Amino acid sequence: MGLGGCIILLAAGAILAFGVHWHLAGVNLTVVGVVLMAAGLIGVVVYARVLGRRRYLGGRGVDEVVVEERRHDVL
């Protein structure tokens, strides 16, 4: 799930938790909304950590210099 999916989970959870006043038998929509918001928030945090780690590790290899040594044997 990418960043867009996490944001959609957050938005859907907020709509269910704060914007819907339906009453379904056996289902508490406020709790479902809060669970969706928590899942979306965890997804955003994990995505940001992974993306930050990629940026950190990717920048480390820029300073390295590759030197090739070619040998030409003259007979």
Protein backbone atom coordinates (compact mmCIF):
# COMPACT_ATOMS: atom_id res chain seq x y z
CA MET A 1 0.00 0.00 0.00
CA GLY A 2 1.45 3.33 -0.99
CA LEU A 3 1.07 6.76 0.45
CA GLY A 4 -2.16 7.36 -1.47
CA GLY A 5 -3.80 4.29 0.04
CA CYS A 6 -2.82 5.38 3.53
CA ILE A 7 -4.30 8.83 2.97
CA ILE A 8 -7.51 7.27 1.65
CA LEU A 9 -7.72 5.12 4.81
CA LEU A 10 -7.27 8.22 6.95
CA ALA A 11 -9.97 10.12 5.05
CA ALA A 12 -12.45 7.25 5.05
CA GLY A 13 -11.87 6.69 8.75
CA ALA A 14 -12.41 10.36 9.53
CA ILE A 15 -15.63 10.38 7.52
CA LEU A 16 -16.92 7.31 9.35
CA ALA A 17 -15.82 8.52 12.77
CA PHE A 18 -16.95 12.15 12.60
CA GLY A 19 -19.28 12.66 9.65
CA VAL A 20 -21.68 9.72 9.58
CA HIS A 21 -24.59 9.39 11.97
CA TRP A 22 -26.03 6.11 10.76
CA HIS A 23 -26.95 3.38 13.19
CA LEU A 24 -26.31 -0.18 12.09
CA ALA A 25 -27.20 -3.14 14.26
CA GLY A 26 -24.03 -4.66 15.71
CA VAL A 27 -21.64 -2.18 14.08
CA ASN A 28 -20.24 0.90 15.74
CA LEU A 29 -19.17 3.11 12.83
CA THR A 30 -17.21 5.43 15.11
CA VAL A 31 -14.96 2.57 16.20
CA VAL A 32 -14.57 1.37 12.60
CA GLY A 33 -13.57 4.91 11.61
CA VAL A 34 -11.03 5.20 14.40
CA VAL A 35 -9.51 1.83 13.44
CA LEU A 36 -9.24 2.92 9.80
CA MET A 37 -7.61 6.20 10.82
CA ALA A 38 -5.12 4.33 13.02
CA ALA A 39 -4.26 1.95 10.18
CA GLY A 40 -3.78 4.87 7.80
CA LEU A 41 -1.60 6.72 10.28
CA ILE A 42 0.57 3.66 10.87
CA GLY A 43 0.89 3.25 7.11
CA VAL A 44 1.97 6.86 6.63
CA VAL A 45 4.56 6.58 9.40
CA VAL A 46 5.98 3.32 8.02
CA TYR A 47 6.02 4.72 4.49
CA ALA A 48 7.84 7.85 5.67
CA ARG A 49 10.42 5.79 7.57
CA VAL A 50 11.10 3.56 4.57
CA LEU A 51 11.31 6.53 2.21
CA GLY A 52 13.62 8.38 4.60
CA ARG A 53 15.87 5.35 4.86
CA ARG A 54 16.04 5.03 1.08
CA ARG A 55 17.07 8.67 0.78
CA TYR A 56 19.69 8.26 3.49
CA LEU A 57 21.20 5.10 2.01
CA GLY A 58 21.00 6.40 -1.53
CA GLY A 59 22.99 9.53 -0.76
CA ARG A 60 25.84 7.65 0.86
CA GLY A 61 27.10 6.08 -2.35
CA VAL A 62 27.48 9.39 -4.19
CA ASP A 63 30.86 10.24 -2.63
CA GLU A 64 32.48 6.94 -3.60
CA VAL A 65 34.84 6.99 -6.55
CA VAL A 66 35.28 3.95 -8.75
CA VAL A 67 38.73 3.54 -10.19
CA GLU A 68 39.37 0.95 -12.87
CA GLU A 69 42.83 -0.32 -13.50
CA ARG A 70 43.59 -1.61 -16.94
CA ARG A 71 46.69 -3.56 -17.65
CA HIS A 72 48.08 -3.79 -21.13
CA ASP A 73 50.77 -6.38 -21.39
CA VAL A 74 53.22 -5.68 -24.16
CA LEU A 75 54.83 -8.77 -25.64
